[in-house]
């Protein structure tokens, strides 16, 4: 899902388009999106807000990086990302490595 309501963003879908199609939930911040499309916590938080404002239920993926896992900081990394601005989403933890 793209954070803009409309515009030319090839390969992306806007939240209003998803709602028009009857979609109720949207997965945001999946590890592959972070890895291949350089999605950041700030970008996922922005998309989460748009999803909520549009009436979608965001499933915001948060998880540890490989460095956090190897350092034994899995919970701290996930909690730090989840707590930033995603209090109304349905957070799911998934490794980013």
PDB file of N, CA and C in Angstrom:
ATOM      1  N   UNK A   1       0.840  -1.174   0.000  1.00  0.00           N
ATOM      2  CA  UNK A   1       0.000   0.000   0.000  1.00  0.00           C
ATOM      3  C   UNK A   1       0.885   1.238   0.000  1.00  0.00           C
ATOM      4  N   UNK A   2       0.538   2.217  -0.812  1.00  0.00           N
ATOM      5  CA  UNK A   2       1.266   3.489  -0.826  1.00  0.00           C
ATOM      6  C   UNK A   2       0.592   4.454   0.133  1.00  0.00           C
ATOM      7  N   UNK A   3       1.372   5.360   0.703  1.00  0.00           N
ATOM      8  CA  UNK A   3       0.811   6.290   1.694  1.00  0.00           C
ATOM      9  C   UNK A   3       0.031   7.446   1.071  1.00  0.00           C
ATOM     10  N   UNK A   4       0.223   7.725  -0.228  1.00  0.00           N
ATOM     11  CA  UNK A   4      -0.549   8.781  -0.885  1.00  0.00           C
ATOM     12  C   UNK A   4      -1.926   8.254  -1.272  1.00  0.00           C
ATOM     13  N   UNK A   5      -2.937   9.118  -1.224  1.00  0.00           N
ATOM     14  CA  UNK A   5      -4.294   8.698  -1.556  1.00  0.00           C
ATOM     15  C   UNK A   5      -4.493   8.477  -3.048  1.00  0.00           C
ATOM     16  N   UNK A   6      -3.718   9.189  -3.870  1.00  0.00           N
ATOM     17  CA  UNK A   6      -3.814   9.017  -5.322  1.00  0.00           C
ATOM     18  C   UNK A   6      -2.537   9.524  -5.964  1.00  0.00           C
ATOM     19  N   UNK A   7      -2.344   9.148  -7.212  1.00  0.00           N
ATOM     20  CA  UNK A   7      -1.161   9.585  -7.940  1.00  0.00           C
ATOM     21  C   UNK A   7      -0.542   8.440  -8.720  1.00  0.00           C
ATOM     22  N   UNK A   8       0.486   8.773  -9.479  1.00  0.00           N
ATOM     23  CA  UNK A   8       1.168   7.785 -10.316  1.00  0.00           C
ATOM     24  C   UNK A   8       2.322   7.158  -9.541  1.00  0.00           C
ATOM     25  N   UNK A   9       2.075   6.013  -8.938  1.00  0.00           N
ATOM     26  CA  UNK A   9       3.083   5.284  -8.169  1.00  0.00           C
ATOM     27  C   UNK A   9       3.062   3.839  -8.662  1.00  0.00           C
ATOM     28  N   UNK A  10       3.690   3.612  -9.782  1.00  0.00           N
ATOM     29  CA  UNK A  10       3.656   2.319 -10.453  1.00  0.00           C
ATOM     30  C   UNK A  10       4.026   1.186  -9.500  1.00  0.00           C
ATOM     31  N   UNK A  11       3.185   0.170  -9.480  1.00  0.00           N
ATOM     32  CA  UNK A  11       3.430  -0.995  -8.651  1.00  0.00           C
ATOM     33  C   UNK A  11       2.864  -0.881  -7.246  1.00  0.00           C
ATOM     34  N   UNK A  12       2.338   0.270  -6.901  1.00  0.00           N
ATOM     35  CA  UNK A  12       1.768   0.484  -5.574  1.00  0.00           C
ATOM     36  C   UNK A  12       0.254   0.644  -5.681  1.00  0.00           C
ATOM     37  N   UNK A  13      -0.433   0.444  -4.582  1.00  0.00           N
ATOM     38  CA  UNK A  13      -1.880   0.574  -4.529  1.00  0.00           C
ATOM     39  C   UNK A  13      -2.219   1.538  -3.389  1.00  0.00           C
ATOM     40  N   UNK A  14      -3.162   2.433  -3.637  1.00  0.00           N
ATOM     41  CA  UNK A  14      -3.541   3.387  -2.595  1.00  0.00           C
ATOM     42  C   UNK A  14      -4.559   2.759  -1.641  1.00  0.00           C
ATOM     43  N   UNK A  15      -4.623   3.305  -0.442  1.00  0.00           N
ATOM     44  CA  UNK A  15      -5.572   2.814   0.552  1.00  0.00           C
ATOM     45  C   UNK A  15      -7.018   2.938   0.064  1.00  0.00           C
ATOM     46  N   UNK A  16      -7.420   4.082  -0.538  1.00  0.00           N
ATOM     47  CA  UNK A  16      -8.799   4.164  -1.033  1.00  0.00           C
ATOM     48  C   UNK A  16      -9.125   3.103  -2.099  1.00  0.00           C
ATOM     49  N   UNK A  17      -8.147   2.767  -2.935  1.00  0.00           N
ATOM     50  CA  UNK A  17      -8.384   1.721  -3.940  1.00  0.00           C
ATOM     51  C   UNK A  17      -8.640   0.376  -3.254  1.00  0.00           C
ATOM     52  N   UNK A  18      -7.881   0.093  -2.204  1.00  0.00           N
ATOM     53  CA  UNK A  18      -8.077  -1.163  -1.477  1.00  0.00           C
ATOM     54  C   UNK A  18      -9.458  -1.212  -0.835  1.00  0.00           C
ATOM     55  N   UNK A  19      -9.873  -0.095  -0.239  1.00  0.00           N
ATOM     56  CA  UNK A  19     -11.198  -0.027   0.381  1.00  0.00           C
ATOM     57  C   UNK A  19     -12.282  -0.242  -0.675  1.00  0.00           C
ATOM     58  N   UNK A  20     -12.120   0.390  -1.843  1.00  0.00           N
ATOM     59  CA  UNK A  20     -13.091   0.219  -2.937  1.00  0.00           C
ATOM     60  C   UNK A  20     -13.215  -1.248  -3.368  1.00  0.00           C
ATOM     61  N   UNK A  21     -12.127  -2.000  -3.214  1.00  0.00           N
ATOM     62  CA  UNK A  21     -12.135  -3.418  -3.581  1.00  0.00           C
ATOM     63  C   UNK A  21     -12.666  -4.321  -2.468  1.00  0.00           C
ATOM     64  N   UNK A  22     -12.997  -3.729  -1.322  1.00  0.00           N
ATOM     65  CA  UNK A  22     -13.535  -4.510  -0.209  1.00  0.00           C
ATOM     66  C   UNK A  22     -12.480  -5.051   0.736  1.00  0.00           C
ATOM     67  N   UNK A  23     -11.247  -4.592   0.592  1.00  0.00           N
ATOM     68  CA  UNK A  23     -10.166  -5.030   1.470  1.00  0.00           C
ATOM     69  C   UNK A  23     -10.390  -4.428   2.862  1.00  0.00           C
ATOM     70  N   UNK A  24     -10.146  -5.195   3.907  1.00  0.00           N
ATOM     71  CA  UNK A  24     -10.334  -4.694   5.269  1.00  0.00           C
ATOM     72  C   UNK A  24      -9.029  -4.607   6.061  1.00  0.00           C
ATOM     73  N   UNK A  25      -8.035  -5.405   5.677  1.00  0.00           N
ATOM     74  CA  UNK A  25      -6.751  -5.440   6.379  1.00  0.00           C
ATOM     75  C   UNK A  25      -5.612  -5.256   5.379  1.00  0.00           C
ATOM     76  N   UNK A  26      -4.495  -4.705   5.851  1.00  0.00           N
ATOM     77  CA  UNK A  26      -3.338  -4.527   4.982  1.00  0.00           C
ATOM     78  C   UNK A  26      -2.070  -4.840   5.773  1.00  0.00           C
ATOM     79  N   UNK A  27      -1.169  -5.622   5.168  1.00  0.00           N
ATOM     80  CA  UNK A  27       0.104  -5.972   5.804  1.00  0.00           C
ATOM     81  C   UNK A  27       1.127  -4.904   5.435  1.00  0.00           C
ATOM     82  N   UNK A  28       1.759  -4.333   6.439  1.00  0.00           N
ATOM     83  CA  UNK A  28       2.731  -3.257   6.238  1.00  0.00           C
ATOM     84  C   UNK A  28       4.047  -3.598   6.915  1.00  0.00           C
ATOM     85  N   UNK A  29       5.155  -3.227   6.273  1.00  0.00           N
ATOM     86  CA  UNK A  29       6.467  -3.391   6.889  1.00  0.00           C
ATOM     87  C   UNK A  29       7.011  -4.805   6.868  1.00  0.00           C
ATOM     88  N   UNK A  30       6.532  -5.631   5.964  1.00  0.00           N
ATOM     89  CA  UNK A  30       7.021  -7.000   5.881  1.00  0.00           C
ATOM     90  C   UNK A  30       8.524  -7.000   5.590  1.00  0.00           C
ATOM     91  N   UNK A  31       9.217  -8.002   6.045  1.00  0.00           N
ATOM     92  CA  UNK A  31      10.678  -8.037   5.930  1.00  0.00           C
ATOM     93  C   UNK A  31      11.164  -7.900   4.487  1.00  0.00           C
ATOM     94  N   UNK A  32      10.455  -8.500   3.537  1.00  0.00           N
ATOM     95  CA  UNK A  32      10.883  -8.367   2.147  1.00  0.00           C
ATOM     96  C   UNK A  32      10.735  -6.938   1.648  1.00  0.00           C
ATOM     97  N   UNK A  33       9.694  -6.228   2.080  1.00  0.00           N
ATOM     98  CA  UNK A  33       9.531  -4.824   1.692  1.00  0.00           C
ATOM     99  C   UNK A  33      10.661  -3.986   2.293  1.00  0.00           C
ATOM    100  N   UNK A  34      11.039  -4.307   3.511  1.00  0.00           N
ATOM    101  CA  UNK A  34      12.138  -3.580   4.145  1.00  0.00           C
ATOM    102  C   UNK A  34      13.461  -3.874   3.429  1.00  0.00           C
ATOM    103  N   UNK A  35      13.670  -5.121   3.072  1.00  0.00           N
ATOM    104  CA  UNK A  35      14.929  -5.519   2.449  1.00  0.00           C
ATOM    105  C   UNK A  35      15.037  -5.039   1.000  1.00  0.00           C
ATOM    106  N   UNK A  36      14.022  -5.276   0.191  1.00  0.00           N
ATOM    107  CA  UNK A  36      14.124  -5.001  -1.238  1.00  0.00           C
ATOM    108  C   UNK A  36      13.668  -3.613  -1.654  1.00  0.00           C
ATOM    109  N   UNK A  37      12.834  -2.984  -0.832  1.00  0.00           N
ATOM    110  CA  UNK A  37      12.316  -1.663  -1.179  1.00  0.00           C
ATOM    111  C   UNK A  37      12.710  -0.603  -0.157  1.00  0.00           C
ATOM    112  N   UNK A  38      13.597  -0.965   0.754  1.00  0.00           N
ATOM    113  CA  UNK A  38      14.155  -0.039   1.754  1.00  0.00           C
ATOM    114  C   UNK A  38      13.084   0.652   2.588  1.00  0.00           C
ATOM    115  N   UNK A  39      11.999  -0.070   2.897  1.00  0.00           N
ATOM    116  CA  UNK A  39      10.996   0.523   3.775  1.00  0.00           C
ATOM    117  C   UNK A  39      11.592   0.704   5.160  1.00  0.00           C
ATOM    118  N   UNK A  40      11.260   1.806   5.775  1.00  0.00           N
ATOM    119  CA  UNK A  40      11.783   2.137   7.099  1.00  0.00           C
ATOM    120  C   UNK A  40      10.653   2.146   8.124  1.00  0.00           C
ATOM    121  N   UNK A  41      11.024   2.212   9.395  1.00  0.00           N
ATOM    122  CA  UNK A  41      10.022   2.318  10.452  1.00  0.00           C
ATOM    123  C   UNK A  41       9.167   3.559  10.249  1.00  0.00           C
ATOM    124  N   UNK A  42       9.801   4.672   9.857  1.00  0.00           N
ATOM    125  CA  UNK A  42       9.058   5.919   9.645  1.00  0.00           C
ATOM    126  C   UNK A  42       8.058   5.768   8.493  1.00  0.00           C
ATOM    127  N   UNK A  43       8.475   5.115   7.428  1.00  0.00           N
ATOM    128  CA  UNK A  43       7.576   4.898   6.299  1.00  0.00           C
ATOM    129  C   UNK A  43       6.420   3.989   6.654  1.00  0.00           C
ATOM    130  N   UNK A  44       6.701   2.940   7.417  1.00  0.00           N
ATOM    131  CA  UNK A  44       5.647   2.009   7.832  1.00  0.00           C
ATOM    132  C   UNK A  44       4.684   2.710   8.783  1.00  0.00           C
ATOM    133  N   UNK A  45       5.202   3.551   9.662  1.00  0.00           N
ATOM    134  CA  UNK A  45       4.336   4.309  10.570  1.00  0.00           C
ATOM    135  C   UNK A  45       3.427   5.248   9.775  1.00  0.00           C
ATOM    136  N   UNK A  46       3.966   5.867   8.734  1.00  0.00           N
ATOM    137  CA  UNK A  46       3.181   6.759   7.872  1.00  0.00           C
ATOM    138  C   UNK A  46       2.063   5.981   7.174  1.00  0.00           C
ATOM    139  N   UNK A  47       2.402   4.811   6.648  1.00  0.00           N
ATOM    140  CA  UNK A  47       1.406   3.966   5.995  1.00  0.00           C
ATOM    141  C   UNK A  47       0.364   3.473   6.997  1.00  0.00           C
ATOM    142  N   UNK A  48       0.801   3.172   8.211  1.00  0.00           N
ATOM    143  CA  UNK A  48      -0.110   2.714   9.251  1.00  0.00           C
ATOM    144  C   UNK A  48      -1.160   3.779   9.546  1.00  0.00           C
ATOM    145  N   UNK A  49      -0.716   5.025   9.662  1.00  0.00           N
ATOM    146  CA  UNK A  49      -1.651   6.129   9.914  1.00  0.00           C
ATOM    147  C   UNK A  49      -2.644   6.272   8.770  1.00  0.00           C
ATOM    148  N   UNK A  50      -2.162   6.209   7.521  1.00  0.00           N
ATOM    149  CA  UNK A  50      -3.051   6.323   6.360  1.00  0.00           C
ATOM    150  C   UNK A  50      -4.059   5.177   6.358  1.00  0.00           C
ATOM    151  N   UNK A  51      -3.594   3.968   6.645  1.00  0.00           N
ATOM    152  CA  UNK A  51      -4.499   2.818   6.685  1.00  0.00           C
ATOM    153  C   UNK A  51      -5.603   3.043   7.717  1.00  0.00           C
ATOM    154  N   UNK A  52      -5.233   3.474   8.903  1.00  0.00           N
ATOM    155  CA  UNK A  52      -6.219   3.733   9.947  1.00  0.00           C
ATOM    156  C   UNK A  52      -7.181   4.841   9.543  1.00  0.00           C
ATOM    157  N   UNK A  53      -6.654   5.915   8.969  1.00  0.00           N
ATOM    158  CA  UNK A  53      -7.491   7.038   8.540  1.00  0.00           C
ATOM    159  C   UNK A  53      -8.460   6.645   7.431  1.00  0.00           C
ATOM    160  N   UNK A  54      -8.125   5.606   6.671  1.00  0.00           N
ATOM    161  CA  UNK A  54      -8.949   5.159   5.547  1.00  0.00           C
ATOM    162  C   UNK A  54      -9.926   4.060   5.959  1.00  0.00           C
ATOM    163  N   UNK A  55      -9.798   3.580   7.178  1.00  0.00           N
ATOM    164  CA  UNK A  55     -10.701   2.534   7.649  1.00  0.00           C
ATOM    165  C   UNK A  55     -10.164   1.125   7.494  1.00  0.00           C
ATOM    166  N   UNK A  56      -8.909   0.992   7.083  1.00  0.00           N
ATOM    167  CA  UNK A  56      -8.280  -0.323   6.989  1.00  0.00           C
ATOM    168  C   UNK A  56      -7.679  -0.702   8.332  1.00  0.00           C
ATOM    169  N   UNK A  57      -7.576  -1.983   8.583  1.00  0.00           N
ATOM    170  CA  UNK A  57      -6.882  -2.467   9.765  1.00  0.00           C
ATOM    171  C   UNK A  57      -5.462  -2.833   9.356  1.00  0.00           C
ATOM    172  N   UNK A  58      -4.470  -2.074   9.832  1.00  0.00           N
ATOM    173  CA  UNK A  58      -3.096  -2.393   9.453  1.00  0.00           C
ATOM    174  C   UNK A  58      -2.535  -3.542  10.277  1.00  0.00           C
ATOM    175  N   UNK A  59      -1.836  -4.426   9.622  1.00  0.00           N
ATOM    176  CA  UNK A  59      -1.064  -5.472  10.285  1.00  0.00           C
ATOM    177  C   UNK A  59       0.385  -5.047  10.084  1.00  0.00           C
ATOM    178  N   UNK A  60       0.926  -4.377  11.092  1.00  0.00           N
ATOM    179  CA  UNK A  60       2.265  -3.791  10.984  1.00  0.00           C
ATOM    180  C   UNK A  60       3.301  -4.786  11.471  1.00  0.00           C
ATOM    181  N   UNK A  61       4.180  -5.195  10.579  1.00  0.00           N
ATOM    182  CA  UNK A  61       5.213  -6.168  10.908  1.00  0.00           C
ATOM    183  C   UNK A  61       6.400  -5.470  11.568  1.00  0.00           C
ATOM    184  N   UNK A  62       6.760  -5.954  12.708  1.00  0.00           N
ATOM    185  CA  UNK A  62       7.951  -5.471  13.407  1.00  0.00           C
ATOM    186  C   UNK A  62       8.759  -6.695  13.797  1.00  0.00           C
ATOM    187  N   UNK A  63      10.047  -6.560  13.817  1.00  0.00           N
ATOM    188  CA  UNK A  63      10.877  -7.705  14.159  1.00  0.00           C
ATOM    189  C   UNK A  63      12.307  -7.294  14.351  1.00  0.00           C
ATOM    190  N   UNK A  64      13.090  -8.248  14.762  1.00  0.00           N
ATOM    191  CA  UNK A  64      14.497  -7.938  15.012  1.00  0.00           C
ATOM    192  C   UNK A  64      15.313  -8.013  13.733  1.00  0.00           C
ATOM    193  N   UNK A  65      16.362  -7.241  13.686  1.00  0.00           N
ATOM    194  CA  UNK A  65      17.326  -7.370  12.603  1.00  0.00           C
ATOM    195  C   UNK A  65      18.261  -8.519  12.962  1.00  0.00           C
ATOM    196  N   UNK A  66      19.060  -8.972  12.018  1.00  0.00           N
ATOM    197  CA  UNK A  66      20.015 -10.037  12.293  1.00  0.00           C
ATOM    198  C   UNK A  66      20.999  -9.590  13.381  1.00  0.00           C
ATOM    199  N   UNK A  67      21.439  -8.343  13.310  1.00  0.00           N
ATOM    200  CA  UNK A  67      22.382  -7.827  14.312  1.00  0.00           C
ATOM    201  C   UNK A  67      21.753  -7.843  15.712  1.00  0.00           C
ATOM    202  N   UNK A  68      20.468  -7.466  15.821  1.00  0.00           N
ATOM    203  CA  UNK A  68      19.784  -7.501  17.123  1.00  0.00           C
ATOM    204  C   UNK A  68      19.650  -8.938  17.620  1.00  0.00           C
ATOM    205  N   UNK A  69      19.350  -9.854  16.731  1.00  0.00           N
ATOM    206  CA  UNK A  69      19.212 -11.266  17.120  1.00  0.00           C
ATOM    207  C   UNK A  69      20.537 -11.807  17.638  1.00  0.00           C
ATOM    208  N   UNK A  70      21.612 -11.543  16.878  1.00  0.00           N
ATOM    209  CA  UNK A  70      22.921 -12.043  17.271  1.00  0.00           C
ATOM    210  C   UNK A  70      23.407 -11.427  18.582  1.00  0.00           C
ATOM    211  N   UNK A  71      22.948 -10.208  18.886  1.00  0.00           N
ATOM    212  CA  UNK A  71      23.340  -9.534  20.126  1.00  0.00           C
ATOM    213  C   UNK A  71      22.399  -9.877  21.283  1.00  0.00           C
ATOM    214  N   UNK A  72      21.396 -10.730  21.029  1.00  0.00           N
ATOM    215  CA  UNK A  72      20.452 -11.102  22.081  1.00  0.00           C
ATOM    216  C   UNK A  72      19.493  -9.978  22.436  1.00  0.00           C
ATOM    217  N   UNK A  73      19.207  -9.073  21.479  1.00  0.00           N
ATOM    218  CA  UNK A  73      18.347  -7.928  21.738  1.00  0.00           C
ATOM    219  C   UNK A  73      17.039  -8.019  20.931  1.00  0.00           C
ATOM    220  N   UNK A  74      16.523  -9.210  20.733  1.00  0.00           N
ATOM    221  CA  UNK A  74      15.322  -9.408  19.921  1.00  0.00           C
ATOM    222  C   UNK A  74      14.134  -8.618  20.458  1.00  0.00           C
ATOM    223  N   UNK A  75      13.809  -8.771  21.700  1.00  0.00           N
ATOM    224  CA  UNK A  75      12.628  -8.123  22.283  1.00  0.00           C
ATOM    225  C   UNK A  75      12.794  -6.610  22.301  1.00  0.00           C
ATOM    226  N   UNK A  76      13.964  -6.123  22.701  1.00  0.00           N
ATOM    227  CA  UNK A  76      14.178  -4.679  22.771  1.00  0.00           C
ATOM    228  C   UNK A  76      14.014  -4.025  21.409  1.00  0.00           C
ATOM    229  N   UNK A  77      14.547  -4.636  20.360  1.00  0.00           N
ATOM    230  CA  UNK A  77      14.440  -4.076  19.015  1.00  0.00           C
ATOM    231  C   UNK A  77      13.002  -4.038  18.530  1.00  0.00           C
ATOM    232  N   UNK A  78      12.289  -5.137  18.716  1.00  0.00           N
ATOM    233  CA  UNK A  78      10.894  -5.193  18.282  1.00  0.00           C
ATOM    234  C   UNK A  78      10.032  -4.218  19.067  1.00  0.00           C
ATOM    235  N   UNK A  79      10.224  -4.180  20.382  1.00  0.00           N
ATOM    236  CA  UNK A  79       9.433  -3.274  21.217  1.00  0.00           C
ATOM    237  C   UNK A  79       9.698  -1.816  20.881  1.00  0.00           C
ATOM    238  N   UNK A  80      10.925  -1.475  20.594  1.00  0.00           N
ATOM    239  CA  UNK A  80      11.257  -0.085  20.261  1.00  0.00           C
ATOM    240  C   UNK A  80      10.536   0.333  18.982  1.00  0.00           C
ATOM    241  N   UNK A  81      10.526  -0.524  17.966  1.00  0.00           N
ATOM    242  CA  UNK A  81       9.845  -0.184  16.721  1.00  0.00           C
ATOM    243  C   UNK A  81       8.336  -0.153  16.907  1.00  0.00           C
ATOM    244  N   UNK A  82       7.793  -1.124  17.601  1.00  0.00           N
ATOM    245  CA  UNK A  82       6.345  -1.199  17.784  1.00  0.00           C
ATOM    246  C   UNK A  82       5.816  -0.010  18.570  1.00  0.00           C
ATOM    247  N   UNK A  83       6.571   0.463  19.547  1.00  0.00           N
ATOM    248  CA  UNK A  83       6.099   1.528  20.407  1.00  0.00           C
ATOM    249  C   UNK A  83       6.150   2.907  19.808  1.00  0.00           C
ATOM    250  N   UNK A  84       6.772   3.067  18.670  1.00  0.00           N
ATOM    251  CA  UNK A  84       6.949   4.414  18.115  1.00  0.00           C
ATOM    252  C   UNK A  84       5.629   5.078  17.768  1.00  0.00           C
ATOM    253  N   UNK A  85       4.773   4.437  17.017  1.00  0.00           N
ATOM    254  CA  UNK A  85       3.506   5.085  16.660  1.00  0.00           C
ATOM    255  C   UNK A  85       2.453   4.088  16.199  1.00  0.00           C
ATOM    256  N   UNK A  86       2.617   2.834  16.525  1.00  0.00           N
ATOM    257  CA  UNK A  86       1.732   1.827  15.990  1.00  0.00           C
ATOM    258  C   UNK A  86       0.761   1.267  17.016  1.00  0.00           C
ATOM    259  N   UNK A  87       0.349   2.082  17.955  1.00  0.00           N
ATOM    260  CA  UNK A  87      -0.464   1.576  19.054  1.00  0.00           C
ATOM    261  C   UNK A  87      -1.834   1.090  18.628  1.00  0.00           C
ATOM    262  N   UNK A  88      -2.348   1.546  17.476  1.00  0.00           N
ATOM    263  CA  UNK A  88      -3.677   1.124  17.040  1.00  0.00           C
ATOM    264  C   UNK A  88      -3.636   0.036  15.976  1.00  0.00           C
ATOM    265  N   UNK A  89      -2.466  -0.414  15.610  1.00  0.00           N
ATOM    266  CA  UNK A  89      -2.371  -1.452  14.587  1.00  0.00           C
ATOM    267  C   UNK A  89      -2.359  -2.825  15.243  1.00  0.00           C
ATOM    268  N   UNK A  90      -2.271  -3.834  14.419  1.00  0.00           N
ATOM    269  CA  UNK A  90      -2.170  -5.204  14.907  1.00  0.00           C
ATOM    270  C   UNK A  90      -0.733  -5.657  14.653  1.00  0.00           C
ATOM    271  N   UNK A  91       0.213  -5.315  15.549  1.00  0.00           N
ATOM    272  CA  UNK A  91       1.607  -5.625  15.281  1.00  0.00           C
ATOM    273  C   UNK A  91       1.881  -7.119  15.271  1.00  0.00           C
ATOM    274  N   UNK A  92       2.743  -7.527  14.368  1.00  0.00           N
ATOM    275  CA  UNK A  92       3.178  -8.917  14.276  1.00  0.00           C
ATOM    276  C   UNK A  92       4.679  -8.923  14.212  1.00  0.00           C
ATOM    277  N   UNK A  93       5.313  -9.792  14.998  1.00  0.00           N
ATOM    278  CA  UNK A  93       6.754  -9.867  14.993  1.00  0.00           C
ATOM    279  C   UNK A  93       7.197 -10.875  13.944  1.00  0.00           C
ATOM    280  N   UNK A  94       8.155 -10.459  13.151  1.00  0.00           N
ATOM    281  CA  UNK A  94       8.760 -11.350  12.170  1.00  0.00           C
ATOM    282  C   UNK A  94      10.190 -10.919  11.980  1.00  0.00           C
ATOM    283  N   UNK A  95      11.084 -11.857  11.947  1.00  0.00           N
ATOM    284  CA  UNK A  95      12.496 -11.543  11.762  1.00  0.00           C
ATOM    285  C   UNK A  95      12.725 -10.829  10.444  1.00  0.00           C
ATOM    286  N   UNK A  96      13.633  -9.858  10.446  1.00  0.00           N
ATOM    287  CA  UNK A  96      13.944  -9.108   9.240  1.00  0.00           C
ATOM    288  C   UNK A  96      15.169  -9.672   8.528  1.00  0.00           C
ATOM    289  N   UNK A  97      15.650 -10.792   8.957  1.00  0.00           N
ATOM    290  CA  UNK A  97      16.825 -11.375   8.342  1.00  0.00           C
ATOM    291  C   UNK A  97      16.396 -12.587   7.633  1.00  0.00           C
TER     292      UNK A  97
END
